[in-house]
Amino acid sequence: MNEALSQALNDQMNYEFYSAQVYLAMAAYCSGESLDGFANFFIVQAEEERFHAMKIYKFLNDRGKRVTVAGMENPNNEYASVLDAFQHGYNHEQIVTKKFYHLSDLAMDDREHATINFLKWFIDEQVEEEALFDSIINKLKRIDKDSNAFFMMDAEFAQRSFTPPSE
């Protein structure tokens, strides 16, 4: 693996840690609004992002590359509504998808087959992430002012948990 690809993967690992912070900030917003189920949704999302970061960390180490952990910018902590938080989350996931596409392009240009194979998992994961956020946004728009449906969603998300996929 060349240094440019190694550095790009390291940058992505740090961005995944940043993504966890983004989702923790969204969770804090929801907690502040007494929407504990929605807060739990974003806490679980943060756990997934840390898992993704550590998956890249391990891959780089397994390939004999030095990992460097960088600082991160402060995430947005203010949202106009739960819908606004999910729209920001969806936009964030679209950025992550583009980053993984770029990594995949770098790996293909370098004919780095192990990395191409490794990145396929993340690209598949991004399809699921974008679809999940899009679905939730559509539901939130549909229920609009129906407080019963909104609180049912909150209760549903309180049950969400993260189980790392088996390798």
C-alpha atoms as a PDB file:
ATOM      1  CA  MET A   1       0.000   0.000   0.000  1.00  0.00           C
ATOM      2  CA  ASN A   2       1.453   3.338  -0.973  1.00  0.00           C
ATOM      3  CA  GLU A   3       1.734   6.241   1.468  1.00  0.00           C
ATOM      4  CA  ALA A   4      -1.015   8.309  -0.187  1.00  0.00           C
ATOM      5  CA  LEU A   5      -3.547   5.507   0.277  1.00  0.00           C
ATOM      6  CA  SER A   6      -2.317   4.778   3.789  1.00  0.00           C
ATOM      7  CA  GLN A   7      -2.702   8.456   4.733  1.00  0.00           C
ATOM      8  CA  ALA A   8      -6.153   8.644   3.142  1.00  0.00           C
ATOM      9  CA  LEU A   9      -7.271   5.618   5.185  1.00  0.00           C
ATOM     10  CA  ASN A  10      -5.811   7.190   8.316  1.00  0.00           C
ATOM     11  CA  ASP A  11      -7.719  10.402   7.541  1.00  0.00           C
ATOM     12  CA  GLN A  12     -10.908   8.375   7.105  1.00  0.00           C
ATOM     13  CA  MET A  13     -10.348   6.650  10.419  1.00  0.00           C
ATOM     14  CA  ASN A  14     -10.155  10.067  12.075  1.00  0.00           C
ATOM     15  CA  TYR A  15     -13.265  11.197  10.201  1.00  0.00           C
ATOM     16  CA  GLU A  16     -15.121   8.172  11.548  1.00  0.00           C
ATOM     17  CA  PHE A  17     -14.150   9.227  15.077  1.00  0.00           C
ATOM     18  CA  TYR A  18     -15.402  12.723  14.211  1.00  0.00           C
ATOM     19  CA  SER A  19     -18.642  11.172  12.920  1.00  0.00           C
ATOM     20  CA  ALA A  20     -19.132   9.596  16.347  1.00  0.00           C
ATOM     21  CA  GLN A  21     -18.836  13.075  17.857  1.00  0.00           C
ATOM     22  CA  VAL A  22     -21.383  14.416  15.350  1.00  0.00           C
ATOM     23  CA  TYR A  23     -23.886  11.779  16.420  1.00  0.00           C
ATOM     24  CA  LEU A  24     -23.179  12.280  20.124  1.00  0.00           C
ATOM     25  CA  ALA A  25     -23.951  15.983  19.643  1.00  0.00           C
ATOM     26  CA  MET A  26     -27.255  15.021  18.004  1.00  0.00           C
ATOM     27  CA  ALA A  27     -27.954  12.671  20.921  1.00  0.00           C
ATOM     28  CA  ALA A  28     -27.268  15.496  23.363  1.00  0.00           C
ATOM     29  CA  TYR A  29     -29.700  17.739  21.482  1.00  0.00           C
ATOM     30  CA  CYS A  30     -32.400  15.046  21.674  1.00  0.00           C
ATOM     31  CA  SER A  31     -31.704  14.418  25.367  1.00  0.00           C
ATOM     32  CA  GLY A  32     -32.058  18.134  25.973  1.00  0.00           C
ATOM     33  CA  GLU A  33     -35.501  17.929  24.356  1.00  0.00           C
ATOM     34  CA  SER A  34     -36.436  14.940  26.595  1.00  0.00           C
ATOM     35  CA  LEU A  35     -36.529  12.646  23.574  1.00  0.00           C
ATOM     36  CA  ASP A  36     -34.569   9.772  25.024  1.00  0.00           C
ATOM     37  CA  GLY A  37     -35.440   7.294  22.268  1.00  0.00           C
ATOM     38  CA  PHE A  38     -34.138   9.609  19.550  1.00  0.00           C
ATOM     39  CA  ALA A  39     -31.085  10.284  21.748  1.00  0.00           C
ATOM     40  CA  ASN A  40     -30.522   6.535  21.950  1.00  0.00           C
ATOM     41  CA  PHE A  41     -30.739   6.264  18.161  1.00  0.00           C
ATOM     42  CA  PHE A  42     -27.858   8.730  17.816  1.00  0.00           C
ATOM     43  CA  ILE A  43     -25.852   7.144  20.659  1.00  0.00           C
ATOM     44  CA  VAL A  44     -26.060   3.816  18.835  1.00  0.00           C
ATOM     45  CA  GLN A  45     -25.066   5.608  15.633  1.00  0.00           C
ATOM     46  CA  ALA A  46     -21.993   6.991  17.438  1.00  0.00           C
ATOM     47  CA  GLU A  47     -21.083   3.468  18.585  1.00  0.00           C
ATOM     48  CA  GLU A  48     -21.246   2.283  14.969  1.00  0.00           C
ATOM     49  CA  GLU A  49     -18.959   5.096  13.848  1.00  0.00           C
ATOM     50  CA  ARG A  50     -16.389   4.234  16.520  1.00  0.00           C
ATOM     51  CA  PHE A  51     -16.589   0.613  15.379  1.00  0.00           C
ATOM     52  CA  HIS A  52     -15.917   1.760  11.797  1.00  0.00           C
ATOM     53  CA  ALA A  53     -12.938   3.828  12.938  1.00  0.00           C
ATOM     54  CA  MET A  54     -11.460   0.898  14.832  1.00  0.00           C
ATOM     55  CA  LYS A  55     -12.000  -1.398  11.853  1.00  0.00           C
ATOM     56  CA  ILE A  56      -9.825   0.957   9.781  1.00  0.00           C
ATOM     57  CA  TYR A  57      -7.340   1.241  12.666  1.00  0.00           C
ATOM     58  CA  LYS A  58      -6.945  -2.544  12.767  1.00  0.00           C
ATOM     59  CA  PHE A  59      -6.647  -2.810   8.981  1.00  0.00           C
ATOM     60  CA  LEU A  60      -3.870  -0.226   8.874  1.00  0.00           C
ATOM     61  CA  ASN A  61      -2.035  -1.973  11.702  1.00  0.00           C
ATOM     62  CA  ASP A  62      -2.463  -5.353  10.024  1.00  0.00           C
ATOM     63  CA  ARG A  63      -0.900  -3.879   6.895  1.00  0.00           C
ATOM     64  CA  GLY A  64       2.090  -2.566   8.855  1.00  0.00           C
ATOM     65  CA  LYS A  65       1.064   1.085   8.558  1.00  0.00           C
ATOM     66  CA  ARG A  66       1.435   3.604  11.353  1.00  0.00           C
ATOM     67  CA  VAL A  67      -1.850   5.009  12.622  1.00  0.00           C
ATOM     68  CA  THR A  68      -1.957   8.617  13.779  1.00  0.00           C
ATOM     69  CA  VAL A  69      -4.892   9.978  15.723  1.00  0.00           C
ATOM     70  CA  ALA A  70      -5.738  13.598  14.982  1.00  0.00           C
ATOM     71  CA  GLY A  71      -7.831  16.184  16.762  1.00  0.00           C
ATOM     72  CA  MET A  72     -11.226  17.057  15.416  1.00  0.00           C
ATOM     73  CA  GLU A  73     -13.352  20.102  14.897  1.00  0.00           C
ATOM     74  CA  ASN A  74     -16.323  20.739  17.124  1.00  0.00           C
ATOM     75  CA  PRO A  75     -19.529  19.223  15.781  1.00  0.00           C
ATOM     76  CA  ASN A  76     -22.736  21.196  15.425  1.00  0.00           C
ATOM     77  CA  ASN A  77     -24.663  21.068  18.698  1.00  0.00           C
ATOM     78  CA  GLU A  78     -27.769  23.031  17.750  1.00  0.00           C
ATOM     79  CA  TYR A  79     -30.696  21.786  15.698  1.00  0.00           C
ATOM     80  CA  ALA A  80     -34.074  23.309  14.922  1.00  0.00           C
ATOM     81  CA  SER A  81     -35.865  19.982  15.412  1.00  0.00           C
ATOM     82  CA  VAL A  82     -35.392  16.235  15.408  1.00  0.00           C
ATOM     83  CA  LEU A  83     -36.109  16.313  11.670  1.00  0.00           C
ATOM     84  CA  ASP A  84     -33.318  18.883  11.247  1.00  0.00           C
ATOM     85  CA  ALA A  85     -30.911  16.610  13.152  1.00  0.00           C
ATOM     86  CA  PHE A  86     -31.781  13.661  10.904  1.00  0.00           C
ATOM     87  CA  GLN A  87     -31.393  15.803   7.782  1.00  0.00           C
ATOM     88  CA  HIS A  88     -27.935  16.828   9.003  1.00  0.00           C
ATOM     89  CA  GLY A  89     -27.196  13.163   9.688  1.00  0.00           C
ATOM     90  CA  TYR A  90     -28.271  12.208   6.169  1.00  0.00           C
ATOM     91  CA  ASN A  91     -26.083  14.940   4.667  1.00  0.00           C
ATOM     92  CA  HIS A  92     -23.199  13.747   6.816  1.00  0.00           C
ATOM     93  CA  GLU A  93     -23.649  10.164   5.611  1.00  0.00           C
ATOM     94  CA  GLN A  94     -23.583  11.381   2.002  1.00  0.00           C
ATOM     95  CA  ILE A  95     -20.207  13.024   2.691  1.00  0.00           C
ATOM     96  CA  VAL A  96     -18.941   9.786   4.246  1.00  0.00           C
ATOM     97  CA  THR A  97     -20.092   7.849   1.166  1.00  0.00           C
ATOM     98  CA  LYS A  98     -18.151  10.204  -1.120  1.00  0.00           C
ATOM     99  CA  LYS A  99     -15.076   9.757   1.060  1.00  0.00           C
ATOM    100  CA  PHE A 100     -15.298   5.969   0.773  1.00  0.00           C
ATOM    101  CA  TYR A 101     -15.782   6.238  -2.990  1.00  0.00           C
ATOM    102  CA  HIS A 102     -12.621   8.353  -3.145  1.00  0.00           C
ATOM    103  CA  LEU A 103     -10.720   5.786  -1.064  1.00  0.00           C
ATOM    104  CA  SER A 104     -11.953   3.034  -3.341  1.00  0.00           C
ATOM    105  CA  ASP A 105     -10.803   5.006  -6.393  1.00  0.00           C
ATOM    106  CA  LEU A 106      -7.347   5.442  -4.845  1.00  0.00           C
ATOM    107  CA  ALA A 107      -7.139   1.721  -4.069  1.00  0.00           C
ATOM    108  CA  MET A 108      -8.235   0.787  -7.596  1.00  0.00           C
ATOM    109  CA  ASP A 109      -5.756   3.210  -9.164  1.00  0.00           C
ATOM    110  CA  ASP A 110      -3.012   1.564  -7.114  1.00  0.00           C
ATOM    111  CA  ARG A 111      -4.356  -1.929  -7.828  1.00  0.00           C
ATOM    112  CA  GLU A 112      -4.357  -2.463  -4.044  1.00  0.00           C
ATOM    113  CA  HIS A 113      -6.644  -5.488  -4.020  1.00  0.00           C
ATOM    114  CA  ALA A 114      -6.674  -6.107  -0.264  1.00  0.00           C
ATOM    115  CA  THR A 115      -7.800  -2.528   0.324  1.00  0.00           C
ATOM    116  CA  ILE A 116     -10.388  -2.709  -2.462  1.00  0.00           C
ATOM    117  CA  ASN A 117     -11.851  -5.786  -0.780  1.00  0.00           C
ATOM    118  CA  PHE A 118     -11.715  -4.112   2.650  1.00  0.00           C
ATOM    119  CA  LEU A 119     -13.507  -0.981   1.410  1.00  0.00           C
ATOM    120  CA  LYS A 120     -16.351  -2.937  -0.174  1.00  0.00           C
ATOM    121  CA  TRP A 121     -17.771  -3.595   3.304  1.00  0.00           C
ATOM    122  CA  PHE A 122     -17.873   0.151   4.023  1.00  0.00           C
ATOM    123  CA  ILE A 123     -19.495   0.993   0.700  1.00  0.00           C
ATOM    124  CA  ASP A 124     -22.225  -1.581   1.356  1.00  0.00           C
ATOM    125  CA  GLU A 125     -22.614  -0.121   4.859  1.00  0.00           C
ATOM    126  CA  GLN A 126     -23.041   3.377   3.422  1.00  0.00           C
ATOM    127  CA  VAL A 127     -25.906   2.237   1.212  1.00  0.00           C
ATOM    128  CA  GLU A 128     -27.651   0.993   4.366  1.00  0.00           C
ATOM    129  CA  GLU A 129     -26.859   4.169   6.337  1.00  0.00           C
ATOM    130  CA  GLU A 130     -28.197   6.524   3.681  1.00  0.00           C
ATOM    131  CA  ALA A 131     -31.330   4.406   3.220  1.00  0.00           C
ATOM    132  CA  LEU A 132     -31.941   4.359   6.985  1.00  0.00           C
ATOM    133  CA  PHE A 133     -31.680   8.132   7.341  1.00  0.00           C
ATOM    134  CA  ASP A 134     -33.771   8.738   4.227  1.00  0.00           C
ATOM    135  CA  SER A 135     -36.500   6.442   5.551  1.00  0.00           C
ATOM    136  CA  ILE A 136     -36.573   8.132   8.957  1.00  0.00           C
ATOM    137  CA  ILE A 137     -36.694  11.592   7.368  1.00  0.00           C
ATOM    138  CA  ASN A 138     -39.631  10.541   5.209  1.00  0.00           C
ATOM    139  CA  LYS A 139     -41.468   9.132   8.242  1.00  0.00           C
ATOM    140  CA  LEU A 140     -40.819  12.274  10.278  1.00  0.00           C
ATOM    141  CA  LYS A 141     -42.155  14.419   7.434  1.00  0.00           C
ATOM    142  CA  ARG A 142     -45.227  12.196   7.103  1.00  0.00           C
ATOM    143  CA  ILE A 143     -46.145  12.289  10.775  1.00  0.00           C
ATOM    144  CA  ASP A 144     -45.464  16.063  10.948  1.00  0.00           C
ATOM    145  CA  LYS A 145     -47.649  17.278  13.812  1.00  0.00           C
ATOM    146  CA  ASP A 146     -49.018  13.875  14.886  1.00  0.00           C
ATOM    147  CA  SER A 147     -47.557  13.759  18.373  1.00  0.00           C
ATOM    148  CA  ASN A 148     -48.722  10.187  18.971  1.00  0.00           C
ATOM    149  CA  ALA A 149     -46.769   8.883  15.980  1.00  0.00           C
ATOM    150  CA  PHE A 150     -43.758  11.004  16.942  1.00  0.00           C
ATOM    151  CA  PHE A 151     -43.665   9.581  20.457  1.00  0.00           C
ATOM    152  CA  MET A 152     -44.175   6.068  19.094  1.00  0.00           C
ATOM    153  CA  MET A 153     -41.020   6.580  17.001  1.00  0.00           C
ATOM    154  CA  ASP A 154     -39.215   7.866  20.089  1.00  0.00           C
ATOM    155  CA  ALA A 155     -40.246   4.726  21.986  1.00  0.00           C
ATOM    156  CA  GLU A 156     -39.199   2.507  19.079  1.00  0.00           C
ATOM    157  CA  PHE A 157     -35.746   4.093  18.895  1.00  0.00           C
ATOM    158  CA  ALA A 158     -35.281   3.603  22.638  1.00  0.00           C
ATOM    159  CA  GLN A 159     -35.036  -0.137  21.848  1.00  0.00           C
ATOM    160  CA  ARG A 160     -32.267   0.247  19.244  1.00  0.00           C
ATOM    161  CA  SER A 161     -28.881  -1.263  20.085  1.00  0.00           C
ATOM    162  CA  PHE A 162     -25.602  -1.922  18.336  1.00  0.00           C
ATOM    163  CA  THR A 163     -24.130  -5.365  17.952  1.00  0.00           C
ATOM    164  CA  PRO A 164     -20.840  -5.356  16.042  1.00  0.00           C
ATOM    165  CA  PRO A 165     -21.067  -7.574  12.964  1.00  0.00           C
ATOM    166  CA  SER A 166     -19.058 -10.748  13.124  1.00  0.00           C
ATOM    167  CA  GLU A 167     -16.053 -10.786  10.857  1.00  0.00           C
END
